[in-house]
Amino acid sequence: MTFTVDFGWWLVPAVITLLSFGIAAFMSRDMGDDRFGAGAVIMFGFYLMASVASLAAWLVWALAA
């Protein structure tokens, strides 16, 4: 059984995923230890936007493949 991973345009959604979660982590790094306050809601929004961008990129890749 041979398993190979070819570099292709599947790297585009992977890079979008990494960048979006990296940006969300960068933007929420100074939110502190506010577990249930406004900072937590804003941080959740950052990660929610990152998740939506990631899922949209993978959806486009899956439909075009």
PDB file of N, CA and C in Angstrom:
ATOM      1  N   MET A   1       0.842  -1.167   0.000  1.00  0.00           N
ATOM      2  CA  MET A   1       0.000   0.000   0.000  1.00  0.00           C
ATOM      3  C   MET A   1       0.895   1.241   0.000  1.00  0.00           C
ATOM      4  N   THR A   2       0.660   2.095  -0.947  1.00  0.00           N
ATOM      5  CA  THR A   2       1.461   3.297  -1.080  1.00  0.00           C
ATOM      6  C   THR A   2       0.596   4.516  -0.781  1.00  0.00           C
ATOM      7  N   PHE A   3       1.144   5.380   0.029  1.00  0.00           N
ATOM      8  CA  PHE A   3       0.444   6.608   0.369  1.00  0.00           C
ATOM      9  C   PHE A   3       1.338   7.774  -0.025  1.00  0.00           C
ATOM     10  N   THR A   4       0.870   8.578  -0.937  1.00  0.00           N
ATOM     11  CA  THR A   4       1.651   9.734  -1.362  1.00  0.00           C
ATOM     12  C   THR A   4       0.814  11.005  -1.241  1.00  0.00           C
ATOM     13  N   VAL A   5       1.482  12.059  -0.912  1.00  0.00           N
ATOM     14  CA  VAL A   5       0.835  13.366  -0.847  1.00  0.00           C
ATOM     15  C   VAL A   5       1.492  14.231  -1.901  1.00  0.00           C
ATOM     16  N   ASP A   6       0.723  14.606  -2.892  1.00  0.00           N
ATOM     17  CA  ASP A   6       1.239  15.471  -3.943  1.00  0.00           C
ATOM     18  C   ASP A   6       0.917  16.911  -3.601  1.00  0.00           C
ATOM     19  N   PHE A   7       1.875  17.766  -3.894  1.00  0.00           N
ATOM     20  CA  PHE A   7       1.619  19.189  -3.705  1.00  0.00           C
ATOM     21  C   PHE A   7       0.751  19.667  -4.848  1.00  0.00           C
ATOM     22  N   GLY A   8      -0.347  20.243  -4.493  1.00  0.00           N
ATOM     23  CA  GLY A   8      -1.290  20.715  -5.485  1.00  0.00           C
ATOM     24  C   GLY A   8      -1.980  21.960  -4.982  1.00  0.00           C
ATOM     25  N   TRP A   9      -3.112  22.233  -5.569  1.00  0.00           N
ATOM     26  CA  TRP A   9      -3.784  23.454  -5.163  1.00  0.00           C
ATOM     27  C   TRP A   9      -4.618  23.261  -3.909  1.00  0.00           C
ATOM     28  N   TRP A  10      -4.543  22.083  -3.293  1.00  0.00           N
ATOM     29  CA  TRP A  10      -5.144  21.895  -1.975  1.00  0.00           C
ATOM     30  C   TRP A  10      -4.371  22.683  -0.927  1.00  0.00           C
ATOM     31  N   LEU A  11      -3.180  23.128  -1.262  1.00  0.00           N
ATOM     32  CA  LEU A  11      -2.404  23.937  -0.325  1.00  0.00           C
ATOM     33  C   LEU A  11      -3.033  25.311  -0.100  1.00  0.00           C
ATOM     34  N   VAL A  12      -3.807  25.796  -1.065  1.00  0.00           N
ATOM     35  CA  VAL A  12      -4.432  27.124  -0.926  1.00  0.00           C
ATOM     36  C   VAL A  12      -5.389  27.158   0.270  1.00  0.00           C
ATOM     37  N   PRO A  13      -6.365  26.230   0.384  1.00  0.00           N
ATOM     38  CA  PRO A  13      -7.219  26.289   1.583  1.00  0.00           C
ATOM     39  C   PRO A  13      -6.463  25.980   2.875  1.00  0.00           C
ATOM     40  N   ALA A  14      -5.411  25.165   2.782  1.00  0.00           N
ATOM     41  CA  ALA A  14      -4.614  24.888   3.979  1.00  0.00           C
ATOM     42  C   ALA A  14      -3.909  26.156   4.458  1.00  0.00           C
ATOM     43  N   VAL A  15      -3.377  26.931   3.525  1.00  0.00           N
ATOM     44  CA  VAL A  15      -2.723  28.194   3.888  1.00  0.00           C
ATOM     45  C   VAL A  15      -3.747  29.192   4.424  1.00  0.00           C
ATOM     46  N   ILE A  16      -4.932  29.238   3.824  1.00  0.00           N
ATOM     47  CA  ILE A  16      -5.989  30.131   4.319  1.00  0.00           C
ATOM     48  C   ILE A  16      -6.379  29.750   5.746  1.00  0.00           C
ATOM     49  N   THR A  17      -6.460  28.454   6.011  1.00  0.00           N
ATOM     50  CA  THR A  17      -6.779  27.988   7.359  1.00  0.00           C
ATOM     51  C   THR A  17      -5.716  28.431   8.354  1.00  0.00           C
ATOM     52  N   LEU A  18      -4.462  28.190   8.026  1.00  0.00           N
ATOM     53  CA  LEU A  18      -3.379  28.556   8.940  1.00  0.00           C
ATOM     54  C   LEU A  18      -3.302  30.064   9.142  1.00  0.00           C
ATOM     55  N   LEU A  19      -3.447  30.825   8.076  1.00  0.00           N
ATOM     56  CA  LEU A  19      -3.393  32.277   8.197  1.00  0.00           C
ATOM     57  C   LEU A  19      -4.565  32.836   9.002  1.00  0.00           C
ATOM     58  N   SER A  20      -5.759  32.320   8.753  1.00  0.00           N
ATOM     59  CA  SER A  20      -6.920  32.861   9.459  1.00  0.00           C
ATOM     60  C   SER A  20      -6.851  32.563  10.954  1.00  0.00           C
ATOM     61  N   PHE A  21      -6.428  31.358  11.330  1.00  0.00           N
ATOM     62  CA  PHE A  21      -6.315  31.060  12.755  1.00  0.00           C
ATOM     63  C   PHE A  21      -5.112  31.760  13.372  1.00  0.00           C
ATOM     64  N   GLY A  22      -4.054  31.976  12.598  1.00  0.00           N
ATOM     65  CA  GLY A  22      -2.921  32.750  13.094  1.00  0.00           C
ATOM     66  C   GLY A  22      -3.299  34.195  13.350  1.00  0.00           C
ATOM     67  N   ILE A  23      -4.054  34.781  12.442  1.00  0.00           N
ATOM     68  CA  ILE A  23      -4.521  36.156  12.631  1.00  0.00           C
ATOM     69  C   ILE A  23      -5.462  36.250  13.820  1.00  0.00           C
ATOM     70  N   ALA A  24      -6.346  35.265  13.978  1.00  0.00           N
ATOM     71  CA  ALA A  24      -7.262  35.274  15.128  1.00  0.00           C
ATOM     72  C   ALA A  24      -6.492  35.158  16.436  1.00  0.00           C
ATOM     73  N   ALA A  25      -5.477  34.316  16.465  1.00  0.00           N
ATOM     74  CA  ALA A  25      -4.664  34.188  17.676  1.00  0.00           C
ATOM     75  C   ALA A  25      -3.901  35.482  17.955  1.00  0.00           C
ATOM     76  N   PHE A  26      -3.378  36.108  16.909  1.00  0.00           N
ATOM     77  CA  PHE A  26      -2.650  37.364  17.073  1.00  0.00           C
ATOM     78  C   PHE A  26      -3.568  38.480  17.580  1.00  0.00           C
ATOM     79  N   MET A  27      -4.781  38.548  17.051  1.00  0.00           N
ATOM     80  CA  MET A  27      -5.697  39.615  17.446  1.00  0.00           C
ATOM     81  C   MET A  27      -6.254  39.412  18.854  1.00  0.00           C
ATOM     82  N   SER A  28      -6.291  38.187  19.324  1.00  0.00           N
ATOM     83  CA  SER A  28      -6.873  37.927  20.641  1.00  0.00           C
ATOM     84  C   SER A  28      -5.818  37.661  21.707  1.00  0.00           C
ATOM     85  N   ARG A  29      -4.566  37.929  21.435  1.00  0.00           N
ATOM     86  CA  ARG A  29      -3.513  37.618  22.408  1.00  0.00           C
ATOM     87  C   ARG A  29      -3.532  38.518  23.627  1.00  0.00           C
ATOM     88  N   ASP A  30      -4.021  39.735  23.504  1.00  0.00           N
ATOM     89  CA  ASP A  30      -4.029  40.663  24.636  1.00  0.00           C
ATOM     90  C   ASP A  30      -5.398  40.761  25.303  1.00  0.00           C
ATOM     91  N   MET A  31      -6.236  39.757  25.130  1.00  0.00           N
ATOM     92  CA  MET A  31      -7.566  39.794  25.719  1.00  0.00           C
ATOM     93  C   MET A  31      -7.528  39.480  27.214  1.00  0.00           C
ATOM     94  N   GLY A  32      -6.472  38.891  27.698  1.00  0.00           N
ATOM     95  CA  GLY A  32      -6.344  38.597  29.123  1.00  0.00           C
ATOM     96  C   GLY A  32      -7.068  37.322  29.519  1.00  0.00           C
ATOM     97  N   ASP A  33      -7.405  37.259  30.795  1.00  0.00           N
ATOM     98  CA  ASP A  33      -8.040  36.060  31.356  1.00  0.00           C
ATOM     99  C   ASP A  33      -9.530  36.255  31.557  1.00  0.00           C
ATOM    100  N   ASP A  34     -10.137  37.044  30.735  1.00  0.00           N
ATOM    101  CA  ASP A  34     -11.560  37.346  30.842  1.00  0.00           C
ATOM    102  C   ASP A  34     -12.354  36.177  30.267  1.00  0.00           C
ATOM    103  N   ARG A  35     -12.757  35.257  31.120  1.00  0.00           N
ATOM    104  CA  ARG A  35     -13.344  34.011  30.646  1.00  0.00           C
ATOM    105  C   ARG A  35     -14.757  34.173  30.107  1.00  0.00           C
ATOM    106  N   PHE A  36     -15.590  34.982  30.739  1.00  0.00           N
ATOM    107  CA  PHE A  36     -16.990  35.096  30.337  1.00  0.00           C
ATOM    108  C   PHE A  36     -17.408  36.531  30.041  1.00  0.00           C
ATOM    109  N   GLY A  37     -16.471  37.430  29.830  1.00  0.00           N
ATOM    110  CA  GLY A  37     -16.808  38.827  29.611  1.00  0.00           C
ATOM    111  C   GLY A  37     -16.776  39.202  28.140  1.00  0.00           C
ATOM    112  N   ALA A  38     -16.663  40.484  27.899  1.00  0.00           N
ATOM    113  CA  ALA A  38     -16.684  41.009  26.533  1.00  0.00           C
ATOM    114  C   ALA A  38     -15.466  40.543  25.738  1.00  0.00           C
ATOM    115  N   GLY A  39     -14.322  40.441  26.413  1.00  0.00           N
ATOM    116  CA  GLY A  39     -13.120  39.974  25.725  1.00  0.00           C
ATOM    117  C   GLY A  39     -13.278  38.568  25.188  1.00  0.00           C
ATOM    118  N   ALA A  40     -13.935  37.723  25.944  1.00  0.00           N
ATOM    119  CA  ALA A  40     -14.163  36.346  25.495  1.00  0.00           C
ATOM    120  C   ALA A  40     -15.103  36.302  24.299  1.00  0.00           C
ATOM    121  N   VAL A  41     -16.089  37.183  24.292  1.00  0.00           N
ATOM    122  CA  VAL A  41     -17.025  37.233  23.160  1.00  0.00           C
ATOM    123  C   VAL A  41     -16.310  37.719  21.903  1.00  0.00           C
ATOM    124  N   ILE A  42     -15.465  38.726  22.055  1.00  0.00           N
ATOM    125  CA  ILE A  42     -14.705  39.227  20.909  1.00  0.00           C
ATOM    126  C   ILE A  42     -13.743  38.169  20.401  1.00  0.00           C
ATOM    127  N   MET A  43     -13.068  37.472  21.300  1.00  0.00           N
ATOM    128  CA  MET A  43     -12.151  36.410  20.904  1.00  0.00           C
ATOM    129  C   MET A  43     -12.908  35.282  20.204  1.00  0.00           C
ATOM    130  N   PHE A  44     -14.081  34.930  20.707  1.00  0.00           N
ATOM    131  CA  PHE A  44     -14.904  33.921  20.054  1.00  0.00           C
ATOM    132  C   PHE A  44     -15.275  34.363  18.641  1.00  0.00           C
ATOM    133  N   GLY A  45     -15.572  35.652  18.468  1.00  0.00           N
ATOM    134  CA  GLY A  45     -15.877  36.184  17.141  1.00  0.00           C
ATOM    135  C   GLY A  45     -14.700  36.067  16.190  1.00  0.00           C
ATOM    136  N   PHE A  46     -13.485  36.333  16.684  1.00  0.00           N
ATOM    137  CA  PHE A  46     -12.295  36.187  15.842  1.00  0.00           C
ATOM    138  C   PHE A  46     -12.157  34.750  15.354  1.00  0.00           C
ATOM    139  N   TYR A  47     -12.294  33.805  16.268  1.00  0.00           N
ATOM    140  CA  TYR A  47     -12.147  32.394  15.887  1.00  0.00           C
ATOM    141  C   TYR A  47     -13.322  31.904  15.043  1.00  0.00           C
ATOM    142  N   LEU A  48     -14.495  32.464  15.254  1.00  0.00           N
ATOM    143  CA  LEU A  48     -15.638  32.106  14.418  1.00  0.00           C
ATOM    144  C   LEU A  48     -15.419  32.573  12.978  1.00  0.00           C
ATOM    145  N   MET A  49     -14.913  33.797  12.820  1.00  0.00           N
ATOM    146  CA  MET A  49     -14.608  34.288  11.475  1.00  0.00           C
ATOM    147  C   MET A  49     -13.510  33.458  10.818  1.00  0.00           C
ATOM    148  N   ALA A  50     -12.529  33.032  11.595  1.00  0.00           N
ATOM    149  CA  ALA A  50     -11.467  32.185  11.062  1.00  0.00           C
ATOM    150  C   ALA A  50     -12.032  30.834  10.624  1.00  0.00           C
ATOM    151  N   SER A  51     -12.948  30.292  11.407  1.00  0.00           N
ATOM    152  CA  SER A  51     -13.560  29.005  11.052  1.00  0.00           C
ATOM    153  C   SER A  51     -14.393  29.121   9.782  1.00  0.00           C
ATOM    154  N   VAL A  52     -15.132  30.200   9.651  1.00  0.00           N
ATOM    155  CA  VAL A  52     -15.955  30.400   8.456  1.00  0.00           C
ATOM    156  C   VAL A  52     -15.062  30.549   7.218  1.00  0.00           C
ATOM    157  N   ALA A  53     -13.984  31.314   7.331  1.00  0.00           N
ATOM    158  CA  ALA A  53     -13.062  31.475   6.205  1.00  0.00           C
ATOM    159  C   ALA A  53     -12.424  30.144   5.831  1.00  0.00           C
ATOM    160  N   SER A  54     -12.052  29.363   6.830  1.00  0.00           N
ATOM    161  CA  SER A  54     -11.443  28.059   6.576  1.00  0.00           C
ATOM    162  C   SER A  54     -12.427  27.107   5.901  1.00  0.00           C
ATOM    163  N   LEU A  55     -13.642  27.032   6.439  1.00  0.00           N
ATOM    164  CA  LEU A  55     -14.638  26.133   5.857  1.00  0.00           C
ATOM    165  C   LEU A  55     -15.033  26.555   4.445  1.00  0.00           C
ATOM    166  N   ALA A  56     -15.108  27.851   4.198  1.00  0.00           N
ATOM    167  CA  ALA A  56     -15.423  28.329   2.846  1.00  0.00           C
ATOM    168  C   ALA A  56     -14.319  27.964   1.868  1.00  0.00           C
ATOM    169  N   ALA A  57     -13.078  28.101   2.289  1.00  0.00           N
ATOM    170  CA  ALA A  57     -11.957  27.746   1.408  1.00  0.00           C
ATOM    171  C   ALA A  57     -11.965  26.256   1.088  1.00  0.00           C
ATOM    172  N   TRP A  58     -12.209  25.422   2.081  1.00  0.00           N
ATOM    173  CA  TRP A  58     -12.240  23.974   1.827  1.00  0.00           C
ATOM    174  C   TRP A  58     -13.470  23.585   0.995  1.00  0.00           C
ATOM    175  N   LEU A  59     -14.587  24.298   1.167  1.00  0.00           N
ATOM    176  CA  LEU A  59     -15.772  24.016   0.361  1.00  0.00           C
ATOM    177  C   LEU A  59     -15.509  24.329  -1.110  1.00  0.00           C
ATOM    178  N   VAL A  60     -14.893  25.465  -1.359  1.00  0.00           N
ATOM    179  CA  VAL A  60     -14.556  25.816  -2.750  1.00  0.00           C
ATOM    180  C   VAL A  60     -13.610  24.785  -3.335  1.00  0.00           C
ATOM    181  N   TRP A  61     -12.628  24.347  -2.545  1.00  0.00           N
ATOM    182  CA  TRP A  61     -11.690  23.330  -3.031  1.00  0.00           C
ATOM    183  C   TRP A  61     -12.410  22.016  -3.331  1.00  0.00           C
ATOM    184  N   ALA A  62     -13.321  21.612  -2.439  1.00  0.00           N
ATOM    185  CA  ALA A  62     -14.026  20.335  -2.632  1.00  0.00           C
ATOM    186  C   ALA A  62     -14.962  20.385  -3.838  1.00  0.00           C
ATOM    187  N   LEU A  63     -15.611  21.515  -4.066  1.00  0.00           N
ATOM    188  CA  LEU A  63     -16.533  21.610  -5.196  1.00  0.00           C
ATOM    189  C   LEU A  63     -15.791  21.708  -6.527  1.00  0.00           C
ATOM    190  N   ALA A  64     -14.597  22.271  -6.511  1.00  0.00           N
ATOM    191  CA  ALA A  64     -13.839  22.438  -7.746  1.00  0.00           C
ATOM    192  C   ALA A  64     -13.010  21.200  -8.079  1.00  0.00           C
ATOM    193  N   ALA A  65     -12.780  20.339  -7.120  1.00  0.00           N
ATOM    194  CA  ALA A  65     -11.923  19.166  -7.367  1.00  0.00           C
ATOM    195  C   ALA A  65     -12.632  18.081  -8.126  1.00  0.00           C
TER     196      ALA A  65
END
